[in-house]
């Protein structure tokens, strides 16, 4: 996943999906046309991804690791992890600080990393550079009062990177 996000080969999800469609017979059999497959893509114009793994296979660690490496590489200034529920949000807000305190990933990052140890917050705080914000997706809805909109307004594409 990091090769996809940091490799510079793709500017958005559509490019990766189209390449895979044309090289994968199973995808062609399932969708028939790339246009049909494209209808199922979430955020096709963004350099985006989702993490879909079975229960207890390490999704939290993968999500945290990707966020931390993207911050360390300077590909992003801040990360927003959207969860489907309050329960998952609460779980990540317990797991991420524990992962952040551990040395396993920190020891793998170069001393020159832009962000070596991000702050872990939720949507009640301003999302500033060097933070990973964990929030349930309901906080992004128009009628919900949250710092997310103000913290991310005007942020997006960066020189040398796609919109992540």
C-alpha atoms as a PDB file:
ATOM      1  CA  UNK A   1       0.000   0.000   0.000  1.00  0.00           C
ATOM      2  CA  UNK A   2       2.851   2.400   0.766  1.00  0.00           C
ATOM      3  CA  UNK A   3       4.331   1.728  -2.686  1.00  0.00           C
ATOM      4  CA  UNK A   4       0.995   2.830  -4.143  1.00  0.00           C
ATOM      5  CA  UNK A   5       0.744   5.937  -1.963  1.00  0.00           C
ATOM      6  CA  UNK A   6       4.389   7.028  -2.058  1.00  0.00           C
ATOM      7  CA  UNK A   7       5.699   5.489  -5.276  1.00  0.00           C
ATOM      8  CA  UNK A   8       4.587   8.288  -7.597  1.00  0.00           C
ATOM      9  CA  UNK A   9       3.316   5.859 -10.224  1.00  0.00           C
ATOM     10  CA  UNK A  10      -0.362   6.702  -9.733  1.00  0.00           C
ATOM     11  CA  UNK A  11      -2.034  10.057  -9.322  1.00  0.00           C
ATOM     12  CA  UNK A  12      -5.343   8.575  -8.188  1.00  0.00           C
ATOM     13  CA  UNK A  13      -7.207   5.355  -7.458  1.00  0.00           C
ATOM     14  CA  UNK A  14      -8.673   5.278 -10.974  1.00  0.00           C
ATOM     15  CA  UNK A  15      -5.207   4.786 -12.500  1.00  0.00           C
ATOM     16  CA  UNK A  16      -4.420   1.812 -10.272  1.00  0.00           C
ATOM     17  CA  UNK A  17      -7.863   0.296 -10.812  1.00  0.00           C
ATOM     18  CA  UNK A  18      -7.694   0.664 -14.603  1.00  0.00           C
ATOM     19  CA  UNK A  19      -4.272  -0.971 -14.754  1.00  0.00           C
ATOM     20  CA  UNK A  20      -5.523  -3.856 -12.648  1.00  0.00           C
ATOM     21  CA  UNK A  21      -8.707  -4.227 -14.681  1.00  0.00           C
ATOM     22  CA  UNK A  22      -6.776  -4.590 -17.937  1.00  0.00           C
ATOM     23  CA  UNK A  23      -4.284  -7.079 -16.470  1.00  0.00           C
ATOM     24  CA  UNK A  24      -6.700  -9.198 -14.422  1.00  0.00           C
ATOM     25  CA  UNK A  25      -9.105 -11.578 -16.138  1.00  0.00           C
ATOM     26  CA  UNK A  26     -11.105 -12.113 -12.947  1.00  0.00           C
ATOM     27  CA  UNK A  27     -11.881  -8.388 -12.720  1.00  0.00           C
ATOM     28  CA  UNK A  28     -12.863  -8.279 -16.395  1.00  0.00           C
ATOM     29  CA  UNK A  29     -15.166 -11.299 -15.917  1.00  0.00           C
ATOM     30  CA  UNK A  30     -16.768  -9.760 -12.833  1.00  0.00           C
ATOM     31  CA  UNK A  31     -17.352  -6.216 -14.144  1.00  0.00           C
ATOM     32  CA  UNK A  32     -17.326  -6.619 -17.936  1.00  0.00           C
ATOM     33  CA  UNK A  33     -16.104  -3.083 -18.572  1.00  0.00           C
ATOM     34  CA  UNK A  34     -13.834  -0.721 -16.727  1.00  0.00           C
ATOM     35  CA  UNK A  35     -16.691   1.813 -16.603  1.00  0.00           C
ATOM     36  CA  UNK A  36     -18.733  -0.711 -14.602  1.00  0.00           C
ATOM     37  CA  UNK A  37     -15.843  -1.387 -12.226  1.00  0.00           C
ATOM     38  CA  UNK A  38     -15.208   2.339 -11.845  1.00  0.00           C
ATOM     39  CA  UNK A  39     -18.784   2.834 -10.583  1.00  0.00           C
ATOM     40  CA  UNK A  40     -17.788   0.830  -7.487  1.00  0.00           C
ATOM     41  CA  UNK A  41     -14.663   2.831  -6.629  1.00  0.00           C
ATOM     42  CA  UNK A  42     -14.731   5.119  -3.626  1.00  0.00           C
ATOM     43  CA  UNK A  43     -12.910   8.416  -4.230  1.00  0.00           C
ATOM     44  CA  UNK A  44     -11.593   7.446  -7.703  1.00  0.00           C
ATOM     45  CA  UNK A  45     -10.105  10.919  -8.288  1.00  0.00           C
ATOM     46  CA  UNK A  46      -8.039  10.780  -5.089  1.00  0.00           C
ATOM     47  CA  UNK A  47      -4.917   8.858  -4.198  1.00  0.00           C
ATOM     48  CA  UNK A  48      -6.949   6.924  -1.667  1.00  0.00           C
ATOM     49  CA  UNK A  49      -7.354   3.454  -0.266  1.00  0.00           C
ATOM     50  CA  UNK A  50      -9.349   1.503   2.263  1.00  0.00           C
ATOM     51  CA  UNK A  51      -8.163  -1.228   4.586  1.00  0.00           C
ATOM     52  CA  UNK A  52     -10.505  -4.218   4.471  1.00  0.00           C
ATOM     53  CA  UNK A  53      -9.210  -7.123   6.536  1.00  0.00           C
ATOM     54  CA  UNK A  54     -10.858  -9.779   8.680  1.00  0.00           C
ATOM     55  CA  UNK A  55     -11.331  -9.330  12.416  1.00  0.00           C
ATOM     56  CA  UNK A  56      -8.131  -9.565  14.482  1.00  0.00           C
ATOM     57  CA  UNK A  57      -5.756  -9.474  11.491  1.00  0.00           C
ATOM     58  CA  UNK A  58      -4.055  -6.195  12.417  1.00  0.00           C
ATOM     59  CA  UNK A  59      -6.089  -3.458  10.710  1.00  0.00           C
ATOM     60  CA  UNK A  60      -5.344  -1.019  13.520  1.00  0.00           C
ATOM     61  CA  UNK A  61      -1.611  -1.613  13.222  1.00  0.00           C
ATOM     62  CA  UNK A  62      -1.708  -1.319   9.413  1.00  0.00           C
ATOM     63  CA  UNK A  63      -3.693   1.938   9.537  1.00  0.00           C
ATOM     64  CA  UNK A  64      -1.436   3.391  12.215  1.00  0.00           C
ATOM     65  CA  UNK A  65       1.705   2.280  10.387  1.00  0.00           C
ATOM     66  CA  UNK A  66       0.590   3.819   7.093  1.00  0.00           C
ATOM     67  CA  UNK A  67      -0.326   7.084   8.819  1.00  0.00           C
ATOM     68  CA  UNK A  68       2.972   7.222  10.677  1.00  0.00           C
ATOM     69  CA  UNK A  69       5.094   6.481   7.609  1.00  0.00           C
ATOM     70  CA  UNK A  70       3.183   9.024   5.497  1.00  0.00           C
ATOM     71  CA  UNK A  71       3.839  11.658   8.184  1.00  0.00           C
ATOM     72  CA  UNK A  72       7.472  10.612   8.546  1.00  0.00           C
ATOM     73  CA  UNK A  73       8.037  10.833   4.789  1.00  0.00           C
ATOM     74  CA  UNK A  74       6.444  14.276   4.639  1.00  0.00           C
ATOM     75  CA  UNK A  75       3.843  13.035   2.143  1.00  0.00           C
ATOM     76  CA  UNK A  76       1.130  14.436   4.431  1.00  0.00           C
ATOM     77  CA  UNK A  77       1.121  16.965   7.258  1.00  0.00           C
ATOM     78  CA  UNK A  78      -1.765  15.461   9.213  1.00  0.00           C
ATOM     79  CA  UNK A  79      -3.929  12.341   9.053  1.00  0.00           C
ATOM     80  CA  UNK A  80      -7.657  11.846   9.584  1.00  0.00           C
ATOM     81  CA  UNK A  81      -8.751   8.254  10.259  1.00  0.00           C
ATOM     82  CA  UNK A  82     -12.510   7.968   9.851  1.00  0.00           C
ATOM     83  CA  UNK A  83     -14.225   5.100  11.665  1.00  0.00           C
ATOM     84  CA  UNK A  84     -17.682   3.643  11.066  1.00  0.00           C
ATOM     85  CA  UNK A  85     -18.691   3.840  14.728  1.00  0.00           C
ATOM     86  CA  UNK A  86     -17.942   5.340  18.127  1.00  0.00           C
ATOM     87  CA  UNK A  87     -16.918   1.891  19.396  1.00  0.00           C
ATOM     88  CA  UNK A  88     -14.183   1.562  16.783  1.00  0.00           C
ATOM     89  CA  UNK A  89     -13.110   5.160  17.382  1.00  0.00           C
ATOM     90  CA  UNK A  90     -12.741   4.447  21.103  1.00  0.00           C
ATOM     91  CA  UNK A  91     -10.743   1.296  20.361  1.00  0.00           C
ATOM     92  CA  UNK A  92      -8.334   3.120  18.037  1.00  0.00           C
ATOM     93  CA  UNK A  93      -7.934   5.939  20.540  1.00  0.00           C
ATOM     94  CA  UNK A  94      -6.683   3.296  22.991  1.00  0.00           C
ATOM     95  CA  UNK A  95      -4.516   1.373  20.501  1.00  0.00           C
ATOM     96  CA  UNK A  96      -2.832   4.254  18.658  1.00  0.00           C
ATOM     97  CA  UNK A  97      -1.229   5.884  21.737  1.00  0.00           C
ATOM     98  CA  UNK A  98       0.077   2.460  22.788  1.00  0.00           C
ATOM     99  CA  UNK A  99       1.560   1.945  19.317  1.00  0.00           C
ATOM    100  CA  UNK A 100       2.978   5.470  19.383  1.00  0.00           C
ATOM    101  CA  UNK A 101       4.671   4.814  22.736  1.00  0.00           C
ATOM    102  CA  UNK A 102       6.262   1.599  21.510  1.00  0.00           C
ATOM    103  CA  UNK A 103       9.668   1.475  19.846  1.00  0.00           C
ATOM    104  CA  UNK A 104       8.867  -1.106  17.148  1.00  0.00           C
ATOM    105  CA  UNK A 105       7.943   1.334  14.384  1.00  0.00           C
ATOM    106  CA  UNK A 106       9.875   4.294  15.777  1.00  0.00           C
ATOM    107  CA  UNK A 107      13.147   2.354  15.516  1.00  0.00           C
ATOM    108  CA  UNK A 108      12.479   1.681  11.819  1.00  0.00           C
ATOM    109  CA  UNK A 109      12.081   5.362  10.959  1.00  0.00           C
ATOM    110  CA  UNK A 110      15.132   7.393  10.031  1.00  0.00           C
ATOM    111  CA  UNK A 111      16.338  10.063  12.445  1.00  0.00           C
ATOM    112  CA  UNK A 112      15.616  12.585   9.678  1.00  0.00           C
ATOM    113  CA  UNK A 113      11.901  11.700   9.535  1.00  0.00           C
ATOM    114  CA  UNK A 114       9.723  14.799   9.255  1.00  0.00           C
ATOM    115  CA  UNK A 115       7.443  13.523  12.052  1.00  0.00           C
ATOM    116  CA  UNK A 116       8.917  10.801  14.239  1.00  0.00           C
ATOM    117  CA  UNK A 117       6.145  10.503  16.814  1.00  0.00           C
ATOM    118  CA  UNK A 118       2.721  11.916  15.936  1.00  0.00           C
ATOM    119  CA  UNK A 119       0.188  13.192  18.445  1.00  0.00           C
ATOM    120  CA  UNK A 120      -2.989  11.120  18.621  1.00  0.00           C
ATOM    121  CA  UNK A 121      -6.191  13.173  18.952  1.00  0.00           C
ATOM    122  CA  UNK A 122      -9.907  13.023  18.257  1.00  0.00           C
ATOM    123  CA  UNK A 123     -12.132  15.487  16.418  1.00  0.00           C
ATOM    124  CA  UNK A 124     -12.733  17.664  19.477  1.00  0.00           C
ATOM    125  CA  UNK A 125      -9.214  19.061  19.051  1.00  0.00           C
ATOM    126  CA  UNK A 126      -7.773  21.001  16.130  1.00  0.00           C
ATOM    127  CA  UNK A 127      -5.986  18.790  13.645  1.00  0.00           C
ATOM    128  CA  UNK A 128      -2.553  20.368  13.352  1.00  0.00           C
ATOM    129  CA  UNK A 129       0.642  19.262  11.619  1.00  0.00           C
ATOM    130  CA  UNK A 130       2.070  16.047  13.035  1.00  0.00           C
ATOM    131  CA  UNK A 131      -1.229  14.657  14.315  1.00  0.00           C
ATOM    132  CA  UNK A 132      -3.305  11.592  13.640  1.00  0.00           C
ATOM    133  CA  UNK A 133      -6.954  12.381  14.319  1.00  0.00           C
ATOM    134  CA  UNK A 134      -9.309   9.463  14.933  1.00  0.00           C
ATOM    135  CA  UNK A 135     -13.008  10.220  14.602  1.00  0.00           C
ATOM    136  CA  UNK A 136     -16.201   8.479  13.566  1.00  0.00           C
ATOM    137  CA  UNK A 137     -17.521   9.523  10.183  1.00  0.00           C
ATOM    138  CA  UNK A 138     -20.635  11.105  11.703  1.00  0.00           C
ATOM    139  CA  UNK A 139     -18.428  13.990  12.869  1.00  0.00           C
ATOM    140  CA  UNK A 140     -17.902  14.979   9.246  1.00  0.00           C
ATOM    141  CA  UNK A 141     -21.586  15.518   8.561  1.00  0.00           C
ATOM    142  CA  UNK A 142     -22.739  19.093   7.900  1.00  0.00           C
ATOM    143  CA  UNK A 143     -24.961  19.395  10.991  1.00  0.00           C
ATOM    144  CA  UNK A 144     -22.366  18.106  13.477  1.00  0.00           C
ATOM    145  CA  UNK A 145     -20.167  20.590  15.315  1.00  0.00           C
ATOM    146  CA  UNK A 146     -16.558  19.414  15.056  1.00  0.00           C
ATOM    147  CA  UNK A 147     -13.085  20.850  14.498  1.00  0.00           C
ATOM    148  CA  UNK A 148     -12.547  18.611  11.481  1.00  0.00           C
ATOM    149  CA  UNK A 149     -13.906  20.987   8.821  1.00  0.00           C
ATOM    150  CA  UNK A 150     -11.979  23.996  10.145  1.00  0.00           C
ATOM    151  CA  UNK A 151      -8.779  21.989  10.612  1.00  0.00           C
ATOM    152  CA  UNK A 152      -8.790  20.586   7.084  1.00  0.00           C
ATOM    153  CA  UNK A 153     -10.307  23.461   5.081  1.00  0.00           C
ATOM    154  CA  UNK A 154      -8.032  24.404   2.217  1.00  0.00           C
ATOM    155  CA  UNK A 155      -5.771  21.381   2.711  1.00  0.00           C
ATOM    156  CA  UNK A 156      -5.265  18.812  -0.039  1.00  0.00           C
ATOM    157  CA  UNK A 157      -2.835  18.348  -2.897  1.00  0.00           C
ATOM    158  CA  UNK A 158       0.829  18.950  -2.181  1.00  0.00           C
ATOM    159  CA  UNK A 159       3.735  19.577  -4.504  1.00  0.00           C
ATOM    160  CA  UNK A 160       5.115  16.205  -5.580  1.00  0.00           C
ATOM    161  CA  UNK A 161       2.207  14.187  -4.204  1.00  0.00           C
ATOM    162  CA  UNK A 162      -1.363  13.529  -5.256  1.00  0.00           C
ATOM    163  CA  UNK A 163      -4.344  14.368  -3.113  1.00  0.00           C
ATOM    164  CA  UNK A 164      -4.025  12.096  -0.122  1.00  0.00           C
END
